């Protein structure tokens, strides 16, 4: 005898399979070259036909899924890996390292990322009457969780809008709200509290992250940030690392070095100019810090990175 529960499980499994197949088909038809595109506002598609190690980037608050292949993310001392059965959620803008694990020419890595706008998230949380407890603001800002049928259904409908740009202008905001509602119903709901707005500023540690990000080239005093948050310095460090997997100083260094790399790769800065631009005053010290993070001195690293882009035929690194 087949129970209602088993019928429901089988039906959900079939729907998940069909949704995944449709995502692979639609994303694959939309992005045919290696790289990343933004076909709809705040919606990013990525394609890679070969595994790619150590992509350094700053990820905005986002819901990320892999339609085909798998990906690992390194954030401080944490490692997350996910595939088509899971999604990755990040609720604070953080510097991280990505690694596309599974990708071939026959079955390229295909992914979808939807940015989470703080104003939208805050609005939905308020309308839903979701209660925010202070301790939730100090939870880690990133996590991997199993994809549900409801969440995947909304993502498929979002991708379908690629074929109807006129309808997309009206329906995209509604589907984004729907995604937030489903996330609020998940076990990761409390992480969305990092995106809540209070008197026009992001809450708690998210505010400190924003200060460090906007002023990465300045010498900021951590005790001043702690005081503005009403915390002791030790408590500030403890909560900051709990949320971001990095200390404030580690976070600032990562932001500086990744921006310096971008300046050299995309804007033609030499190493010394890039070092001063991002706040370093000692070029030799900058070079040592740079090599420690990226594995090679600035000049050699940029040469290797440019060659990698040529070899992979990647128009825009994801």
C-alpha atoms as a PDB file:
ATOM      1  CA  UNK A   1       0.000   0.000   0.000  1.00  0.00           C
ATOM      2  CA  UNK A   2       1.379   3.436  -0.985  1.00  0.00           C
ATOM      3  CA  UNK A   3       0.853   6.150   1.614  1.00  0.00           C
ATOM      4  CA  UNK A   4      -0.072   9.767   0.920  1.00  0.00           C
ATOM      5  CA  UNK A   5       3.300  10.785   2.314  1.00  0.00           C
ATOM      6  CA  UNK A   6       5.233   8.589  -0.107  1.00  0.00           C
ATOM      7  CA  UNK A   7       3.088   9.847  -3.000  1.00  0.00           C
ATOM      8  CA  UNK A   8       3.884  13.399  -1.990  1.00  0.00           C
ATOM      9  CA  UNK A   9       7.602  12.620  -1.786  1.00  0.00           C
ATOM     10  CA  UNK A  10       7.633  10.946  -5.196  1.00  0.00           C
ATOM     11  CA  UNK A  11       5.692  13.837  -6.721  1.00  0.00           C
ATOM     12  CA  UNK A  12       8.091  16.383  -5.256  1.00  0.00           C
ATOM     13  CA  UNK A  13      11.100  14.394  -6.483  1.00  0.00           C
ATOM     14  CA  UNK A  14       9.651  14.346 -10.000  1.00  0.00           C
ATOM     15  CA  UNK A  15       8.948  18.086  -9.913  1.00  0.00           C
ATOM     16  CA  UNK A  16      12.485  18.804  -8.706  1.00  0.00           C
ATOM     17  CA  UNK A  17      13.886  16.691 -11.557  1.00  0.00           C
ATOM     18  CA  UNK A  18      11.759  18.454 -14.178  1.00  0.00           C
ATOM     19  CA  UNK A  19      12.588  21.914 -12.789  1.00  0.00           C
ATOM     20  CA  UNK A  20      16.314  21.132 -12.812  1.00  0.00           C
ATOM     21  CA  UNK A  21      16.132  19.942 -16.414  1.00  0.00           C
ATOM     22  CA  UNK A  22      14.320  23.121 -17.425  1.00  0.00           C
ATOM     23  CA  UNK A  23      16.850  25.319 -15.611  1.00  0.00           C
ATOM     24  CA  UNK A  24      19.753  23.614 -17.359  1.00  0.00           C
ATOM     25  CA  UNK A  25      18.048  24.021 -20.734  1.00  0.00           C
ATOM     26  CA  UNK A  26      17.063  27.668 -20.303  1.00  0.00           C
ATOM     27  CA  UNK A  27      20.338  28.839 -18.713  1.00  0.00           C
ATOM     28  CA  UNK A  28      22.360  26.918 -21.290  1.00  0.00           C
ATOM     29  CA  UNK A  29      20.464  28.545 -24.158  1.00  0.00           C
ATOM     30  CA  UNK A  30      20.770  32.023 -22.647  1.00  0.00           C
ATOM     31  CA  UNK A  31      24.503  32.039 -21.900  1.00  0.00           C
ATOM     32  CA  UNK A  32      26.497  30.200 -24.574  1.00  0.00           C
ATOM     33  CA  UNK A  33      30.001  31.516 -23.782  1.00  0.00           C
ATOM     34  CA  UNK A  34      32.108  31.044 -20.667  1.00  0.00           C
ATOM     35  CA  UNK A  35      31.628  33.896 -18.209  1.00  0.00           C
ATOM     36  CA  UNK A  36      28.870  35.737 -16.383  1.00  0.00           C
ATOM     37  CA  UNK A  37      25.974  37.865 -17.662  1.00  0.00           C
ATOM     38  CA  UNK A  38      23.165  39.889 -16.056  1.00  0.00           C
ATOM     39  CA  UNK A  39      20.145  39.373 -18.377  1.00  0.00           C
ATOM     40  CA  UNK A  40      17.690  40.767 -15.795  1.00  0.00           C
ATOM     41  CA  UNK A  41      18.287  43.313 -13.059  1.00  0.00           C
ATOM     42  CA  UNK A  42      19.989  41.596 -10.143  1.00  0.00           C
ATOM     43  CA  UNK A  43      19.878  38.190 -11.867  1.00  0.00           C
ATOM     44  CA  UNK A  44      23.214  36.658 -12.935  1.00  0.00           C
ATOM     45  CA  UNK A  45      23.900  33.567 -15.032  1.00  0.00           C
ATOM     46  CA  UNK A  46      27.298  31.845 -15.207  1.00  0.00           C
ATOM     47  CA  UNK A  47      28.704  29.232 -17.559  1.00  0.00           C
ATOM     48  CA  UNK A  48      32.081  27.457 -17.394  1.00  0.00           C
ATOM     49  CA  UNK A  49      33.165  24.501 -19.505  1.00  0.00           C
ATOM     50  CA  UNK A  50      36.114  23.509 -17.316  1.00  0.00           C
ATOM     51  CA  UNK A  51      36.762  23.479 -13.553  1.00  0.00           C
ATOM     52  CA  UNK A  52      38.136  26.778 -12.273  1.00  0.00           C
ATOM     53  CA  UNK A  53      40.111  27.089  -9.057  1.00  0.00           C
ATOM     54  CA  UNK A  54      40.288  30.139  -6.800  1.00  0.00           C
ATOM     55  CA  UNK A  55      37.993  32.818  -8.177  1.00  0.00           C
ATOM     56  CA  UNK A  56      38.436  35.793  -5.821  1.00  0.00           C
ATOM     57  CA  UNK A  57      35.383  38.022  -5.613  1.00  0.00           C
ATOM     58  CA  UNK A  58      33.195  40.106  -3.328  1.00  0.00           C
ATOM     59  CA  UNK A  59      29.735  38.564  -3.230  1.00  0.00           C
ATOM     60  CA  UNK A  60      26.756  40.834  -2.643  1.00  0.00           C
ATOM     61  CA  UNK A  61      23.876  39.435  -0.561  1.00  0.00           C
ATOM     62  CA  UNK A  62      22.518  36.727  -2.833  1.00  0.00           C
ATOM     63  CA  UNK A  63      20.636  33.488  -3.293  1.00  0.00           C
ATOM     64  CA  UNK A  64      22.835  31.192  -5.404  1.00  0.00           C
ATOM     65  CA  UNK A  65      22.023  27.875  -7.047  1.00  0.00           C
ATOM     66  CA  UNK A  66      23.920  25.518  -9.328  1.00  0.00           C
ATOM     67  CA  UNK A  67      21.806  24.161 -12.175  1.00  0.00           C
ATOM     68  CA  UNK A  68      24.579  21.848 -13.389  1.00  0.00           C
ATOM     69  CA  UNK A  69      27.953  20.944 -11.859  1.00  0.00           C
ATOM     70  CA  UNK A  70      29.119  21.822  -8.359  1.00  0.00           C
ATOM     71  CA  UNK A  71      30.904  24.637  -6.570  1.00  0.00           C
ATOM     72  CA  UNK A  72      32.898  25.153  -3.378  1.00  0.00           C
ATOM     73  CA  UNK A  73      33.147  28.453  -1.516  1.00  0.00           C
ATOM     74  CA  UNK A  74      35.883  29.352   0.953  1.00  0.00           C
ATOM     75  CA  UNK A  75      35.115  32.097   3.434  1.00  0.00           C
ATOM     76  CA  UNK A  76      37.662  32.672   6.163  1.00  0.00           C
ATOM     77  CA  UNK A  77      37.973  29.322   7.930  1.00  0.00           C
ATOM     78  CA  UNK A  78      34.691  27.984   6.517  1.00  0.00           C
ATOM     79  CA  UNK A  79      34.121  25.856   3.431  1.00  0.00           C
ATOM     80  CA  UNK A  80      30.786  25.323   1.696  1.00  0.00           C
ATOM     81  CA  UNK A  81      30.087  23.048  -1.263  1.00  0.00           C
ATOM     82  CA  UNK A  82      26.823  22.782  -3.141  1.00  0.00           C
ATOM     83  CA  UNK A  83      25.314  21.214  -6.254  1.00  0.00           C
ATOM     84  CA  UNK A  84      21.868  21.232  -7.954  1.00  0.00           C
ATOM     85  CA  UNK A  85      20.194  19.865  -4.826  1.00  0.00           C
ATOM     86  CA  UNK A  86      21.249  22.761  -2.571  1.00  0.00           C
ATOM     87  CA  UNK A  87      21.369  26.547  -2.520  1.00  0.00           C
ATOM     88  CA  UNK A  88      23.900  28.924  -1.029  1.00  0.00           C
ATOM     89  CA  UNK A  89      22.683  31.993   0.854  1.00  0.00           C
ATOM     90  CA  UNK A  90      24.808  35.035   1.700  1.00  0.00           C
ATOM     91  CA  UNK A  91      23.257  37.980   3.535  1.00  0.00           C
ATOM     92  CA  UNK A  92      26.260  40.315   3.886  1.00  0.00           C
ATOM     93  CA  UNK A  93      28.647  41.554   1.181  1.00  0.00           C
ATOM     94  CA  UNK A  94      31.741  39.436   1.775  1.00  0.00           C
ATOM     95  CA  UNK A  95      35.077  38.721   0.047  1.00  0.00           C
ATOM     96  CA  UNK A  96      35.324  35.027  -0.717  1.00  0.00           C
ATOM     97  CA  UNK A  97      37.098  32.422  -2.822  1.00  0.00           C
ATOM     98  CA  UNK A  98      35.084  30.226  -5.194  1.00  0.00           C
ATOM     99  CA  UNK A  99      36.078  26.960  -6.827  1.00  0.00           C
ATOM    100  CA  UNK A 100      34.041  25.467  -9.675  1.00  0.00           C
ATOM    101  CA  UNK A 101      34.534  21.763  -8.989  1.00  0.00           C
ATOM    102  CA  UNK A 102      32.601  19.980 -11.764  1.00  0.00           C
ATOM    103  CA  UNK A 103      32.461  21.339 -15.314  1.00  0.00           C
ATOM    104  CA  UNK A 104      33.072  19.847 -18.778  1.00  0.00           C
ATOM    105  CA  UNK A 105      32.438  20.916 -22.363  1.00  0.00           C
ATOM    106  CA  UNK A 106      29.668  18.309 -22.588  1.00  0.00           C
ATOM    107  CA  UNK A 107      28.138  19.280 -19.233  1.00  0.00           C
ATOM    108  CA  UNK A 108      29.231  22.841 -18.415  1.00  0.00           C
ATOM    109  CA  UNK A 109      28.867  24.387 -15.012  1.00  0.00           C
ATOM    110  CA  UNK A 110      25.674  26.499 -15.071  1.00  0.00           C
ATOM    111  CA  UNK A 111      24.517  28.682 -12.205  1.00  0.00           C
ATOM    112  CA  UNK A 112      21.942  31.282 -11.254  1.00  0.00           C
ATOM    113  CA  UNK A 113      22.408  34.055  -8.694  1.00  0.00           C
ATOM    114  CA  UNK A 114      19.706  36.440  -7.489  1.00  0.00           C
ATOM    115  CA  UNK A 115      20.793  39.520  -5.542  1.00  0.00           C
ATOM    116  CA  UNK A 116      18.867  40.223  -2.335  1.00  0.00           C
ATOM    117  CA  UNK A 117      18.065  43.912  -2.014  1.00  0.00           C
ATOM    118  CA  UNK A 118      18.051  45.062   1.652  1.00  0.00           C
ATOM    119  CA  UNK A 119      15.052  47.358   1.125  1.00  0.00           C
ATOM    120  CA  UNK A 120      13.038  44.525  -0.417  1.00  0.00           C
ATOM    121  CA  UNK A 121      14.005  42.028   2.282  1.00  0.00           C
ATOM    122  CA  UNK A 122      13.255  44.519   5.051  1.00  0.00           C
ATOM    123  CA  UNK A 123       9.854  45.298   3.517  1.00  0.00           C
ATOM    124  CA  UNK A 124       8.867  41.626   3.276  1.00  0.00           C
ATOM    125  CA  UNK A 125      10.062  40.910   6.825  1.00  0.00           C
ATOM    126  CA  UNK A 126       7.961  43.807   8.126  1.00  0.00           C
ATOM    127  CA  UNK A 127       4.854  42.787   6.158  1.00  0.00           C
ATOM    128  CA  UNK A 128       5.244  39.166   7.246  1.00  0.00           C
ATOM    129  CA  UNK A 129       5.460  40.207  10.896  1.00  0.00           C
ATOM    130  CA  UNK A 130       8.705  38.272  11.339  1.00  0.00           C
ATOM    131  CA  UNK A 131      10.153  38.955  14.784  1.00  0.00           C
ATOM    132  CA  UNK A 132      13.815  39.945  14.890  1.00  0.00           C
ATOM    133  CA  UNK A 133      15.785  39.048  17.986  1.00  0.00           C
ATOM    134  CA  UNK A 134      19.069  40.819  18.695  1.00  0.00           C
ATOM    135  CA  UNK A 135      21.042  37.574  18.883  1.00  0.00           C
ATOM    136  CA  UNK A 136      20.014  36.718  15.312  1.00  0.00           C
ATOM    137  CA  UNK A 137      22.008  39.692  14.046  1.00  0.00           C
ATOM    138  CA  UNK A 138      25.179  37.917  15.168  1.00  0.00           C
ATOM    139  CA  UNK A 139      24.572  34.655  13.279  1.00  0.00           C
ATOM    140  CA  UNK A 140      26.888  33.652  10.456  1.00  0.00           C
ATOM    141  CA  UNK A 141      25.856  35.352   7.231  1.00  0.00           C
ATOM    142  CA  UNK A 142      26.387  32.376   4.916  1.00  0.00           C
ATOM    143  CA  UNK A 143      25.018  28.843   4.718  1.00  0.00           C
ATOM    144  CA  UNK A 144      24.068  25.991   2.381  1.00  0.00           C
ATOM    145  CA  UNK A 145      20.608  24.425   2.557  1.00  0.00           C
ATOM    146  CA  UNK A 146      18.591  21.865   0.538  1.00  0.00           C
ATOM    147  CA  UNK A 147      16.504  23.282  -2.302  1.00  0.00           C
ATOM    148  CA  UNK A 148      12.754  22.976  -1.818  1.00  0.00           C
ATOM    149  CA  UNK A 149      10.183  22.444  -4.561  1.00  0.00           C
ATOM    150  CA  UNK A 150       8.610  25.830  -3.816  1.00  0.00           C
ATOM    151  CA  UNK A 151      11.887  27.725  -4.017  1.00  0.00           C
ATOM    152  CA  UNK A 152      12.941  25.981  -7.212  1.00  0.00           C
ATOM    153  CA  UNK A 153       9.511  26.550  -8.759  1.00  0.00           C
ATOM    154  CA  UNK A 154       9.876  30.311  -8.212  1.00  0.00           C
ATOM    155  CA  UNK A 155      13.416  30.276  -9.656  1.00  0.00           C
ATOM    156  CA  UNK A 156      12.232  28.453 -12.773  1.00  0.00           C
ATOM    157  CA  UNK A 157       9.475  31.025 -13.276  1.00  0.00           C
ATOM    158  CA  UNK A 158      12.086  33.745 -12.874  1.00  0.00           C
ATOM    159  CA  UNK A 159      14.298  32.210 -15.577  1.00  0.00           C
ATOM    160  CA  UNK A 160      11.293  31.891 -17.895  1.00  0.00           C
ATOM    161  CA  UNK A 161      11.041  35.694 -17.832  1.00  0.00           C
ATOM    162  CA  UNK A 162      14.182  35.789 -19.991  1.00  0.00           C
ATOM    163  CA  UNK A 163      11.918  35.048 -22.956  1.00  0.00           C
ATOM    164  CA  UNK A 164       9.422  37.810 -22.115  1.00  0.00           C
ATOM    165  CA  UNK A 165      11.343  41.019 -21.233  1.00  0.00           C
ATOM    166  CA  UNK A 166       8.168  43.137 -21.255  1.00  0.00           C
ATOM    167  CA  UNK A 167       6.509  40.894 -18.679  1.00  0.00           C
ATOM    168  CA  UNK A 168       9.755  40.689 -16.722  1.00  0.00           C
ATOM    169  CA  UNK A 169       9.555  44.357 -15.721  1.00  0.00           C
ATOM    170  CA  UNK A 170       6.269  43.643 -13.930  1.00  0.00           C
ATOM    171  CA  UNK A 171       6.804  40.096 -12.684  1.00  0.00           C
ATOM    172  CA  UNK A 172      10.474  40.079 -11.654  1.00  0.00           C
ATOM    173  CA  UNK A 173       9.918  42.195  -8.487  1.00  0.00           C
ATOM    174  CA  UNK A 174       7.013  39.933  -7.491  1.00  0.00           C
ATOM    175  CA  UNK A 175       9.030  36.740  -7.905  1.00  0.00           C
ATOM    176  CA  UNK A 176      11.904  38.247  -5.915  1.00  0.00           C
ATOM    177  CA  UNK A 177       9.458  38.985  -3.089  1.00  0.00           C
ATOM    178  CA  UNK A 178       8.190  35.410  -3.340  1.00  0.00           C
ATOM    179  CA  UNK A 179      11.757  34.107  -3.002  1.00  0.00           C
ATOM    180  CA  UNK A 180      12.243  36.142   0.176  1.00  0.00           C
ATOM    181  CA  UNK A 181       8.977  34.755   1.577  1.00  0.00           C
ATOM    182  CA  UNK A 182      10.137  31.185   0.956  1.00  0.00           C
ATOM    183  CA  UNK A 183      13.500  31.957   2.566  1.00  0.00           C
ATOM    184  CA  UNK A 184      11.670  33.331   5.605  1.00  0.00           C
ATOM    185  CA  UNK A 185       9.898  29.965   5.829  1.00  0.00           C
ATOM    186  CA  UNK A 186      13.197  28.074   5.770  1.00  0.00           C
ATOM    187  CA  UNK A 187      15.670  27.168   8.492  1.00  0.00           C
ATOM    188  CA  UNK A 188      17.905  30.014   7.251  1.00  0.00           C
ATOM    189  CA  UNK A 189      15.277  32.690   7.891  1.00  0.00           C
ATOM    190  CA  UNK A 190      17.157  34.358  10.736  1.00  0.00           C
ATOM    191  CA  UNK A 191      20.121  35.107   8.455  1.00  0.00           C
ATOM    192  CA  UNK A 192      17.955  37.531   6.490  1.00  0.00           C
ATOM    193  CA  UNK A 193      17.969  39.779   9.560  1.00  0.00           C
ATOM    194  CA  UNK A 194      21.402  41.009   8.425  1.00  0.00           C
ATOM    195  CA  UNK A 195      19.555  42.744   5.589  1.00  0.00           C
ATOM    196  CA  UNK A 196      16.966  44.504   7.733  1.00  0.00           C
ATOM    197  CA  UNK A 197      17.030  48.276   7.700  1.00  0.00           C
ATOM    198  CA  UNK A 198      16.944  50.413  10.805  1.00  0.00           C
ATOM    199  CA  UNK A 199      16.777  54.184  10.404  1.00  0.00           C
ATOM    200  CA  UNK A 200      18.342  53.898   6.966  1.00  0.00           C
ATOM    201  CA  UNK A 201      21.376  51.843   7.995  1.00  0.00           C
ATOM    202  CA  UNK A 202      22.080  48.127   7.959  1.00  0.00           C
ATOM    203  CA  UNK A 203      21.839  46.479  11.344  1.00  0.00           C
ATOM    204  CA  UNK A 204      24.684  45.597  13.720  1.00  0.00           C
ATOM    205  CA  UNK A 205      27.674  43.770  12.194  1.00  0.00           C
ATOM    206  CA  UNK A 206      26.327  44.386   8.695  1.00  0.00           C
ATOM    207  CA  UNK A 207      26.818  48.098   9.365  1.00  0.00           C
ATOM    208  CA  UNK A 208      30.437  47.505  10.427  1.00  0.00           C
ATOM    209  CA  UNK A 209      31.028  45.457   7.256  1.00  0.00           C
ATOM    210  CA  UNK A 210      29.685  48.346   5.192  1.00  0.00           C
ATOM    211  CA  UNK A 211      32.003  50.808   6.937  1.00  0.00           C
ATOM    212  CA  UNK A 212      35.051  48.631   6.302  1.00  0.00           C
ATOM    213  CA  UNK A 213      34.037  48.070   2.687  1.00  0.00           C
ATOM    214  CA  UNK A 214      33.419  51.731   1.900  1.00  0.00           C
ATOM    215  CA  UNK A 215      36.570  52.906   3.696  1.00  0.00           C
ATOM    216  CA  UNK A 216      38.911  50.011   2.892  1.00  0.00           C
ATOM    217  CA  UNK A 217      41.721  52.419   1.918  1.00  0.00           C
ATOM    218  CA  UNK A 218      41.562  54.265   5.248  1.00  0.00           C
ATOM    219  CA  UNK A 219      43.085  53.424   8.627  1.00  0.00           C
ATOM    220  CA  UNK A 220      40.022  52.631  10.694  1.00  0.00           C
ATOM    221  CA  UNK A 221      40.201  52.167  14.445  1.00  0.00           C
ATOM    222  CA  UNK A 222      38.306  49.059  15.477  1.00  0.00           C
ATOM    223  CA  UNK A 223      37.598  50.407  18.952  1.00  0.00           C
ATOM    224  CA  UNK A 224      35.724  53.312  17.326  1.00  0.00           C
ATOM    225  CA  UNK A 225      33.553  50.894  15.330  1.00  0.00           C
ATOM    226  CA  UNK A 226      32.953  48.826  18.453  1.00  0.00           C
ATOM    227  CA  UNK A 227      31.950  51.933  20.430  1.00  0.00           C
ATOM    228  CA  UNK A 228      29.486  53.012  17.736  1.00  0.00           C
ATOM    229  CA  UNK A 229      27.877  49.567  17.980  1.00  0.00           C
ATOM    230  CA  UNK A 230      27.778  49.741  21.761  1.00  0.00           C
ATOM    231  CA  UNK A 231      30.187  46.808  22.147  1.00  0.00           C
ATOM    232  CA  UNK A 232      33.529  46.191  23.771  1.00  0.00           C
ATOM    233  CA  UNK A 233      36.387  45.605  21.319  1.00  0.00           C
ATOM    234  CA  UNK A 234      36.584  41.912  22.254  1.00  0.00           C
ATOM    235  CA  UNK A 235      32.834  41.463  21.837  1.00  0.00           C
ATOM    236  CA  UNK A 236      32.953  43.275  18.483  1.00  0.00           C
ATOM    237  CA  UNK A 237      35.716  40.968  17.219  1.00  0.00           C
ATOM    238  CA  UNK A 238      33.846  37.906  18.470  1.00  0.00           C
ATOM    239  CA  UNK A 239      30.551  38.839  16.801  1.00  0.00           C
ATOM    240  CA  UNK A 240      32.217  40.058  13.606  1.00  0.00           C
ATOM    241  CA  UNK A 241      34.016  36.741  13.144  1.00  0.00           C
ATOM    242  CA  UNK A 242      30.881  34.759  13.973  1.00  0.00           C
ATOM    243  CA  UNK A 243      29.037  36.536  11.167  1.00  0.00           C
ATOM    244  CA  UNK A 244      31.780  36.809   8.522  1.00  0.00           C
ATOM    245  CA  UNK A 245      34.287  34.034   9.419  1.00  0.00           C
ATOM    246  CA  UNK A 246      36.997  36.749   9.523  1.00  0.00           C
ATOM    247  CA  UNK A 247      38.272  39.298  11.993  1.00  0.00           C
ATOM    248  CA  UNK A 248      37.685  42.961  11.026  1.00  0.00           C
ATOM    249  CA  UNK A 249      41.364  43.352  10.105  1.00  0.00           C
ATOM    250  CA  UNK A 250      41.346  40.178   7.989  1.00  0.00           C
ATOM    251  CA  UNK A 251      38.225  41.435   6.235  1.00  0.00           C
ATOM    252  CA  UNK A 252      39.774  44.827   5.470  1.00  0.00           C
ATOM    253  CA  UNK A 253      42.983  43.211   4.173  1.00  0.00           C
ATOM    254  CA  UNK A 254      41.042  40.866   1.874  1.00  0.00           C
ATOM    255  CA  UNK A 255      39.008  43.771   0.469  1.00  0.00           C
ATOM    256  CA  UNK A 256      42.160  45.837  -0.121  1.00  0.00           C
ATOM    257  CA  UNK A 257      44.075  43.054  -1.853  1.00  0.00           C
ATOM    258  CA  UNK A 258      41.191  42.010  -4.089  1.00  0.00           C
ATOM    259  CA  UNK A 259      40.626  45.614  -5.135  1.00  0.00           C
ATOM    260  CA  UNK A 260      44.349  46.004  -5.889  1.00  0.00           C
ATOM    261  CA  UNK A 261      44.195  42.883  -8.056  1.00  0.00           C
ATOM    262  CA  UNK A 262      41.219  44.297  -9.940  1.00  0.00           C
ATOM    263  CA  UNK A 263      43.008  47.586 -10.525  1.00  0.00           C
ATOM    264  CA  UNK A 264      46.046  45.822 -11.973  1.00  0.00           C
ATOM    265  CA  UNK A 265      44.031  43.363 -14.083  1.00  0.00           C
ATOM    266  CA  UNK A 266      41.303  45.657 -15.404  1.00  0.00           C
ATOM    267  CA  UNK A 267      42.692  49.184 -15.205  1.00  0.00           C
ATOM    268  CA  UNK A 268      46.401  48.701 -15.908  1.00  0.00           C
ATOM    269  CA  UNK A 269      47.781  49.857 -12.538  1.00  0.00           C
ATOM    270  CA  UNK A 270      51.283  48.719 -11.665  1.00  0.00           C
ATOM    271  CA  UNK A 271      51.831  47.058  -8.294  1.00  0.00           C
ATOM    272  CA  UNK A 272      53.120  50.155  -6.482  1.00  0.00           C
ATOM    273  CA  UNK A 273      50.301  52.383  -7.728  1.00  0.00           C
ATOM    274  CA  UNK A 274      47.681  49.766  -6.831  1.00  0.00           C
ATOM    275  CA  UNK A 275      49.199  49.369  -3.362  1.00  0.00           C
ATOM    276  CA  UNK A 276      48.955  53.084  -2.595  1.00  0.00           C
ATOM    277  CA  UNK A 277      45.482  53.301  -4.129  1.00  0.00           C
ATOM    278  CA  UNK A 278      44.058  50.731  -1.708  1.00  0.00           C
ATOM    279  CA  UNK A 279      45.744  52.124   1.393  1.00  0.00           C
ATOM    280  CA  UNK A 280      49.163  50.461   1.655  1.00  0.00           C
ATOM    281  CA  UNK A 281      52.137  52.761   2.298  1.00  0.00           C
ATOM    282  CA  UNK A 282      54.860  50.139   1.956  1.00  0.00           C
ATOM    283  CA  UNK A 283      55.052  48.508  -1.487  1.00  0.00           C
ATOM    284  CA  UNK A 284      57.275  45.672  -0.256  1.00  0.00           C
ATOM    285  CA  UNK A 285      54.857  44.843   2.558  1.00  0.00           C
ATOM    286  CA  UNK A 286      51.976  44.960   0.053  1.00  0.00           C
ATOM    287  CA  UNK A 287      53.797  42.503  -2.204  1.00  0.00           C
ATOM    288  CA  UNK A 288      54.308  40.054   0.685  1.00  0.00           C
ATOM    289  CA  UNK A 289      50.649  40.295   1.714  1.00  0.00           C
ATOM    290  CA  UNK A 290      49.557  39.899  -1.901  1.00  0.00           C
ATOM    291  CA  UNK A 291      51.683  36.771  -2.417  1.00  0.00           C
ATOM    292  CA  UNK A 292      50.368  35.300   0.833  1.00  0.00           C
ATOM    293  CA  UNK A 293      46.777  35.556  -0.448  1.00  0.00           C
ATOM    294  CA  UNK A 294      47.110  34.892  -4.187  1.00  0.00           C
ATOM    295  CA  UNK A 295      50.150  32.605  -4.201  1.00  0.00           C
ATOM    296  CA  UNK A 296      52.427  34.765  -6.397  1.00  0.00           C
ATOM    297  CA  UNK A 297      53.851  38.320  -6.421  1.00  0.00           C
ATOM    298  CA  UNK A 298      51.584  40.927  -8.054  1.00  0.00           C
ATOM    299  CA  UNK A 299      53.225  41.118 -11.495  1.00  0.00           C
ATOM    300  CA  UNK A 300      53.483  37.361 -11.980  1.00  0.00           C
ATOM    301  CA  UNK A 301      49.976  36.754 -10.628  1.00  0.00           C
ATOM    302  CA  UNK A 302      48.416  39.217 -13.078  1.00  0.00           C
ATOM    303  CA  UNK A 303      50.351  37.667 -15.987  1.00  0.00           C
ATOM    304  CA  UNK A 304      49.125  34.205 -14.980  1.00  0.00           C
ATOM    305  CA  UNK A 305      45.568  35.421 -14.532  1.00  0.00           C
ATOM    306  CA  UNK A 306      45.476  37.059 -17.974  1.00  0.00           C
ATOM    307  CA  UNK A 307      46.807  33.874 -19.562  1.00  0.00           C
ATOM    308  CA  UNK A 308      44.180  31.826 -17.729  1.00  0.00           C
ATOM    309  CA  UNK A 309      41.427  34.077 -19.079  1.00  0.00           C
ATOM    310  CA  UNK A 310      42.805  33.599 -22.622  1.00  0.00           C
ATOM    311  CA  UNK A 311      43.157  29.820 -22.226  1.00  0.00           C
ATOM    312  CA  UNK A 312      39.641  29.401 -20.829  1.00  0.00           C
ATOM    313  CA  UNK A 313      38.115  31.879 -23.276  1.00  0.00           C
ATOM    314  CA  UNK A 314      36.284  33.516 -20.401  1.00  0.00           C
ATOM    315  CA  UNK A 315      34.810  36.898 -21.323  1.00  0.00           C
ATOM    316  CA  UNK A 316      33.991  37.854 -17.741  1.00  0.00           C
ATOM    317  CA  UNK A 317      35.165  35.935 -14.710  1.00  0.00           C
ATOM    318  CA  UNK A 318      32.162  34.981 -12.528  1.00  0.00           C
END
